[in-house]
Protein backbone atom coordinates (compact mmCIF):
# COMPACT_ATOMS: atom_id res chain seq x y z
CA MET A 1 144.10 246.86 -55.93
CA PHE A 2 142.95 250.43 -56.55
CA GLU A 3 142.47 249.76 -60.27
CA MET A 4 140.29 246.76 -59.46
CA LEU A 5 138.10 248.84 -57.11
CA THR A 6 137.57 251.47 -59.81
CA GLN A 7 136.17 248.90 -62.24
CA PRO A 8 132.43 249.71 -62.73
CA ALA A 9 131.32 246.16 -61.89
CA VAL A 10 133.33 246.00 -58.66
CA SER A 11 132.59 249.55 -57.49
CA GLY A 12 128.92 249.08 -58.38
CA LEU A 13 128.68 245.96 -56.23
CA LEU A 14 130.35 247.72 -53.31
CA VAL A 15 128.23 250.89 -53.57
CA MET A 16 124.94 249.00 -53.94
CA SER A 17 125.80 246.66 -51.07
CA LEU A 18 126.36 249.66 -48.78
CA ILE A 19 123.29 251.59 -49.92
CA GLY A 20 121.13 248.47 -49.93
CA ALA A 21 122.10 247.72 -46.33
CA ILE A 22 121.26 251.29 -45.28
CA ALA A 23 117.93 251.26 -47.13
CA TYR A 24 116.89 247.92 -45.66
CA LYS A 25 117.95 248.95 -42.16
CA ALA A 26 115.92 252.16 -42.52
CA HIS A 27 112.88 250.07 -43.60
CA PHE A 28 112.64 251.81 -46.96
CA VAL A 29 112.23 248.47 -48.76
CA ASP A 30 111.31 244.88 -48.02
CA ILE A 31 113.39 241.93 -49.24
CA SER A 32 111.85 241.92 -52.73
CA GLY A 33 112.28 245.69 -52.98
CA LEU A 34 115.91 245.37 -51.89
CA VAL A 35 116.65 242.87 -54.66
CA ALA A 36 114.87 245.03 -57.26
CA ALA A 37 116.69 248.17 -56.07
CA PHE A 38 120.01 246.33 -56.32
CA VAL A 39 119.29 245.33 -59.92
CA VAL A 40 118.20 248.84 -60.93
CA GLY A 41 120.97 250.62 -59.04
CA PHE A 42 123.79 248.38 -60.20
CA THR A 43 122.65 248.54 -63.84
CA ILE A 44 122.49 252.34 -63.77
CA TRP A 45 125.89 252.59 -62.05
CA TYR A 46 127.47 250.32 -64.64
CA THR A 47 125.84 251.78 -67.77
CA GLY A 48 125.13 255.40 -66.79
CA GLY A 49 128.00 256.11 -64.43
CA PRO A 50 128.16 257.98 -61.10
CA ALA A 51 126.22 261.05 -62.33
CA SER A 52 123.20 259.03 -63.41
CA PHE A 53 123.45 256.92 -60.27
CA VAL A 54 123.47 259.92 -57.91
CA ILE A 55 120.34 261.25 -59.64
CA ILE A 56 118.43 257.98 -59.13
CA LEU A 57 119.85 257.77 -55.60
CA PHE A 58 118.25 261.13 -54.80
CA PHE A 59 114.88 259.72 -55.83
CA PHE A 60 115.34 256.50 -53.89
CA MET A 61 116.44 258.12 -50.61
CA SER A 62 114.09 261.11 -50.76
CA ALA A 63 111.14 258.81 -51.54
CA GLY A 64 112.00 256.66 -48.54
CA LEU A 65 112.28 259.67 -46.22
CA ALA A 66 109.08 261.24 -47.58
CA THR A 67 107.19 257.98 -47.08
CA LYS A 68 108.28 257.85 -43.43
CA TYR A 69 107.46 261.54 -42.92
CA LYS A 70 104.56 261.76 -40.43
CA TYR A 71 103.67 258.16 -41.23
CA LYS A 72 101.31 257.78 -38.27
CA ALA A 73 99.39 260.87 -39.37
CA LYS A 74 99.09 259.38 -42.87
CA VAL A 75 97.73 256.16 -41.38
CA LYS A 76 94.99 258.17 -39.65
CA LYS A 77 94.23 259.87 -42.96
CA ASN A 78 94.17 256.46 -44.73
CA VAL A 79 96.80 257.65 -47.23
CA ALA A 80 99.85 255.80 -45.91
CA GLN A 81 101.97 253.45 -48.03
CA GLU A 82 101.13 249.82 -47.31
CA GLY A 83 103.59 247.52 -45.55
CA LYS A 84 104.56 250.11 -42.94
CA GLY A 85 106.08 252.26 -45.67
CA LYS A 86 108.33 249.56 -47.12
CA ARG A 87 108.50 249.50 -50.91
CA SER A 88 108.22 246.14 -52.67
CA TRP A 89 109.70 245.05 -56.00
CA VAL A 90 106.51 246.27 -57.70
CA ASN A 91 107.09 249.82 -56.45
CA VAL A 92 110.81 249.76 -57.23
CA PHE A 93 110.49 248.43 -60.76
CA GLY A 94 107.45 250.64 -61.42
CA SER A 95 109.60 253.70 -60.71
CA GLY A 96 113.02 252.43 -61.80
CA ILE A 97 112.56 250.33 -64.92
CA ILE A 98 112.25 253.29 -67.34
CA PRO A 99 115.36 255.11 -66.00
CA MET A 100 117.25 251.82 -66.14
CA MET A 101 116.28 251.31 -69.79
CA PHE A 102 117.38 254.84 -70.68
CA SER A 103 120.67 254.35 -68.86
CA MET A 104 121.30 251.24 -70.93
CA ALA A 105 120.34 253.13 -74.08
CA MET A 106 122.84 255.89 -73.25
CA TYR A 107 125.54 253.27 -72.83
CA VAL A 108 124.82 251.76 -76.24
CA ALA A 109 124.45 255.15 -78.01
CA ALA A 110 127.83 256.28 -76.68
CA MET A 111 129.49 253.37 -78.48
CA VAL A 112 127.96 254.22 -81.89
CA PRO A 113 129.84 257.11 -83.58
CA GLU A 114 126.87 258.14 -85.74
CA LEU A 115 124.55 258.41 -82.73
CA THR A 116 127.19 260.23 -80.71
CA ALA A 117 127.74 262.76 -83.50
CA ALA A 118 123.99 263.40 -83.67
CA GLY A 119 123.85 264.17 -79.94
CA TRP A 120 121.79 261.13 -78.94
CA PRO A 121 123.73 260.26 -75.76
CA PHE A 122 122.76 263.64 -74.28
CA PHE A 123 119.18 263.46 -75.59
CA LEU A 124 118.82 260.06 -73.93
CA PHE A 125 120.35 261.53 -70.76
CA GLY A 126 117.62 264.18 -70.97
CA GLY A 127 115.09 261.34 -71.14
CA TYR A 128 116.75 259.72 -68.15
CA VAL A 129 116.57 262.94 -66.13
CA GLY A 130 112.97 263.42 -67.23
CA SER A 131 111.90 259.97 -66.05
CA VAL A 132 113.63 260.30 -62.65
CA ALA A 133 112.34 263.85 -62.20
CA THR A 134 108.81 262.66 -62.94
CA THR A 135 108.88 259.76 -60.49
CA SER A 136 110.58 261.87 -57.82
CA ALA A 137 108.09 264.70 -58.19
CA ASP A 138 105.11 262.35 -58.17
CA THR A 139 106.25 260.40 -55.10
CA LEU A 140 107.27 263.45 -53.06
CA ALA A 141 104.15 265.39 -54.07
CA SER A 142 101.95 262.46 -53.02
CA GLU A 143 103.71 261.84 -49.71
CA VAL A 144 104.02 265.49 -48.66
CA GLY A 145 101.06 267.04 -50.50
CA VAL A 146 98.53 265.22 -48.29
CA PHE A 147 99.41 267.72 -45.56
CA SER A 148 98.39 270.71 -47.66
CA LYS A 149 96.30 273.15 -45.61
CA SER A 150 94.07 273.82 -48.60
CA LYS A 151 91.85 271.04 -49.91
CA PRO A 152 93.21 269.32 -53.04
CA ARG A 153 91.44 269.64 -56.38
CA LEU A 154 90.72 267.08 -59.08
CA ILE A 155 93.12 267.47 -62.00
CA THR A 156 90.39 266.86 -64.59
CA ASN A 157 88.32 269.68 -63.06
CA LEU A 158 90.42 272.13 -61.05
CA ARG A 159 87.30 273.78 -59.63
CA ARG A 160 86.26 270.60 -57.83
CA LYS A 161 87.64 270.08 -54.32
CA VAL A 162 88.17 266.47 -53.22
CA PRO A 163 89.34 264.66 -50.05
CA SER A 164 93.06 263.96 -49.49
CA GLY A 165 94.15 260.70 -51.06
CA THR A 166 91.76 260.95 -53.98
CA ILE A 167 93.20 259.56 -57.20
CA GLY A 168 93.98 262.44 -59.54
CA ALA A 169 93.98 265.04 -56.78
CA VAL A 170 96.54 267.88 -56.83
CA SER A 171 97.39 270.54 -54.27
CA LEU A 172 99.48 273.69 -54.16
CA LEU A 173 101.85 272.10 -51.66
CA GLY A 174 102.21 269.02 -53.85
CA GLU A 175 102.89 271.11 -56.95
CA GLY A 176 105.50 273.12 -55.07
CA VAL A 177 107.22 269.96 -53.84
CA ALA A 178 107.21 268.57 -57.41
CA ILE A 179 108.94 271.71 -58.73
CA ALA A 180 111.46 271.59 -55.86
CA ALA A 181 112.28 267.95 -56.68
CA GLY A 182 112.91 268.88 -60.31
CA LEU A 183 115.08 271.82 -59.27
CA ILE A 184 117.26 269.66 -57.01
CA ILE A 185 117.77 267.00 -59.69
CA GLY A 186 118.63 269.71 -62.23
CA VAL A 187 121.15 271.30 -59.87
CA VAL A 188 122.77 267.91 -59.20
CA ALA A 189 123.12 267.35 -62.95
CA VAL A 190 124.62 270.81 -63.45
CA ILE A 191 127.16 270.27 -60.65
CA PHE A 192 128.35 267.11 -62.38
CA ALA A 193 128.36 268.93 -65.73
CA ILE A 194 130.58 271.72 -64.42
CA PHE A 195 133.06 269.75 -62.33
CA THR A 196 133.09 266.35 -64.09
CA PRO A 197 131.61 266.96 -67.57
CA THR A 198 132.84 263.63 -68.93
CA LEU A 199 130.39 261.87 -66.61
CA ILE A 200 127.41 263.40 -68.46
CA PRO A 201 126.81 261.43 -71.70
CA GLY A 202 127.28 263.53 -74.83
CA LEU A 203 128.21 266.69 -72.95
CA VAL A 204 131.79 266.70 -74.25
CA SER A 205 132.11 266.83 -78.04
CA SER A 206 134.49 264.73 -80.12
CA GLU A 207 136.83 267.75 -80.07
CA SER A 208 136.92 267.54 -76.23
CA VAL A 209 134.85 270.74 -75.94
CA ILE A 210 131.99 271.08 -73.44
CA VAL A 211 128.67 271.81 -75.16
CA TRP A 212 127.52 274.57 -72.81
CA ASP A 213 124.15 274.88 -74.52
CA TYR A 214 123.37 271.43 -73.16
CA VAL A 215 124.36 272.47 -69.64
CA LEU A 216 121.92 275.41 -69.78
CA PHE A 217 119.10 272.99 -70.62
CA LEU A 218 119.56 270.75 -67.58
CA VAL A 219 117.77 272.75 -64.84
CA PRO A 220 114.73 273.90 -66.88
CA LEU A 221 114.55 270.41 -68.41
CA SER A 222 114.41 268.81 -64.97
CA ILE A 223 111.91 271.29 -63.53
CA LEU A 224 109.54 271.10 -66.51
CA THR A 225 109.59 267.31 -66.72
CA ALA A 226 109.03 267.06 -62.96
CA PHE A 227 106.04 269.41 -63.04
CA ILE A 228 104.47 268.15 -66.26
CA GLY A 229 105.25 264.49 -65.62
CA CYS A 230 103.83 264.65 -62.10
CA ASN A 231 100.57 266.09 -63.40
CA ILE A 232 100.46 263.55 -66.23
CA ASP A 233 100.66 260.89 -63.53
CA SER A 234 97.67 262.45 -61.76
CA LEU A 235 95.79 262.70 -65.06
CA LEU A 236 96.44 259.05 -65.94
CA GLY A 237 95.29 258.08 -62.46
CA ALA A 238 92.09 260.10 -62.71
CA VAL A 239 91.18 258.79 -66.18
CA LEU A 240 92.54 255.24 -66.47
CA GLN A 241 93.46 253.79 -63.06
CA ASN A 242 91.11 251.45 -61.23
CA ARG A 243 89.10 253.54 -58.77
CA PHE A 244 87.17 252.69 -55.66
CA VAL A 245 85.01 255.02 -53.56
CA CYS A 246 85.08 255.05 -49.78
CA GLU A 247 81.48 255.31 -48.64
CA ILE A 248 82.66 256.57 -45.25
CA CYS A 249 84.73 259.64 -46.22
CA GLY A 250 83.96 259.89 -49.95
CA ALA A 251 87.57 259.56 -51.10
CA ILE A 252 88.29 258.08 -54.55
CA THR A 253 91.14 255.65 -54.01
CA ASP A 254 92.90 252.63 -55.51
CA LYS A 255 92.55 250.72 -52.25
CA GLU A 256 89.93 248.01 -51.77
CA PHE A 257 89.69 248.97 -48.09
CA HIS A 258 89.52 252.53 -46.76
CA CYS A 259 88.53 253.86 -43.34
CA ASP A 260 88.57 250.19 -42.25
CA TYR A 261 85.69 249.36 -44.60
CA GLU A 262 85.51 247.73 -48.02
CA THR A 263 85.34 250.25 -50.85
CA LYS A 264 83.14 250.15 -53.94
CA TYR A 265 84.51 249.90 -57.49
CA VAL A 266 83.39 252.95 -59.49
CA GLY A 267 85.51 253.22 -62.62
CA GLY A 268 88.75 252.96 -64.53
CA PHE A 269 90.28 249.78 -65.86
CA LYS A 270 90.35 247.13 -63.14
CA ARG A 271 93.77 245.84 -64.14
CA PHE A 272 95.26 249.32 -64.65
CA THR A 273 96.95 249.81 -61.28
CA ASN A 274 99.16 252.49 -59.78
CA MET A 275 102.21 250.61 -61.09
CA HIS A 276 100.93 251.03 -64.65
CA VAL A 277 100.31 254.73 -63.98
CA ASN A 278 103.89 255.11 -62.73
CA LEU A 279 105.27 253.33 -65.79
CA GLY A 280 103.19 255.48 -68.12
CA SER A 281 104.06 258.80 -66.49
CA SER A 282 107.74 257.86 -66.22
CA GLY A 283 107.81 256.96 -69.92
CA LEU A 284 106.08 260.19 -70.89
CA GLY A 285 108.41 262.16 -68.61
CA ALA A 286 111.35 260.53 -70.37
CA THR A 287 109.88 261.46 -73.75
CA LEU A 288 109.52 265.07 -72.60
CA GLY A 289 113.12 264.96 -71.42
CA ILE A 290 114.31 263.95 -74.89
CA VAL A 291 112.28 266.73 -76.49
CA LEU A 292 113.52 269.32 -74.01
CA GLY A 293 117.07 268.03 -74.33
CA ALA A 294 116.81 268.79 -78.03
CA GLY A 295 115.90 272.38 -77.10
CA LEU A 296 112.20 272.35 -78.04
CA PHE A 297 111.05 274.35 -75.01
CA VAL A 298 108.57 276.58 -76.83
CA TRP A 299 106.31 273.70 -77.86
CA ILE A 300 106.19 272.27 -74.35
CA LEU A 301 105.47 275.63 -72.72
CA GLY A 302 102.72 276.32 -75.26
CA GLY A 303 101.10 272.95 -74.59
CA LEU A 304 101.33 273.47 -70.84
CA PHE A 305 99.66 276.88 -71.07
CA PHE A 306 96.86 275.44 -73.24
CA TRP A 307 96.21 272.60 -70.77
CA ILE A 308 96.01 274.96 -67.74
CA ALA A 309 93.67 277.33 -69.60
CA ALA A 310 91.41 274.53 -70.82
CA SER A 311 91.27 272.77 -67.44
CA SER A 312 90.58 275.98 -65.52
CA SER A 313 87.64 276.89 -67.75
CA ASN A 314 86.20 273.37 -67.72
């Protein structure tokens, strides 16, 4: 009986049934979002294992709590998630499809000796962490950052102050929350690496030796991908996403109605929605995770410094 319960398929079904029931009861998702979350969660549990699952679980639960945080105040600000804060399948797949693909890739890479010897399971795990850190940072920064006491600024011109809810807006509170999200995910990964290293793909060499250099990468990898990926999301939104202007409060938003009035289309690609932005930023966050997992921190830090300098002097 115990052996049957420890089978990934059986344990995955049990875990996702429990978590799905809690999430639906807490109104984190609607029916379509529940089905999508079950697919993403079960796949990650089966292919990535408990460590990868706990990381995506942090995103899922923290996003739900952050969305409910001061929801009535967000409604008054016209920045609340639609559907009374319930996420649909579009939201779930927009945030979870990239991590799910990387989890599947880790599973396949671990079965190919040549890829395992080259370190690809861990590099792909870095991509997985990067994608989850990006989506976590972006969601939490958006949901909590709207309460920043200082007015947010447009990411394409950091000297320009804009109303809360503006597409491409960033705030100090939001940036701090993004870094905190990356730190938590990194710490979770390190805890698994120290106490159950075999659950982190590629962390234990073929000689059954822990590659401690990889462990040292996990926290900075998670923090950097969270911060950079979150800002890439804002940048993609400001440049490519469909944008509408509220003629009442002046906010640039992706909503066709704002302040109870119809908004006016002003730019971006009409079919490039927030879901596409999430997919793009999650994919780029995953790419950064692979690069950082390979230890190429200097290039990323140099690029980050150049972007801040160029944007500040714009």
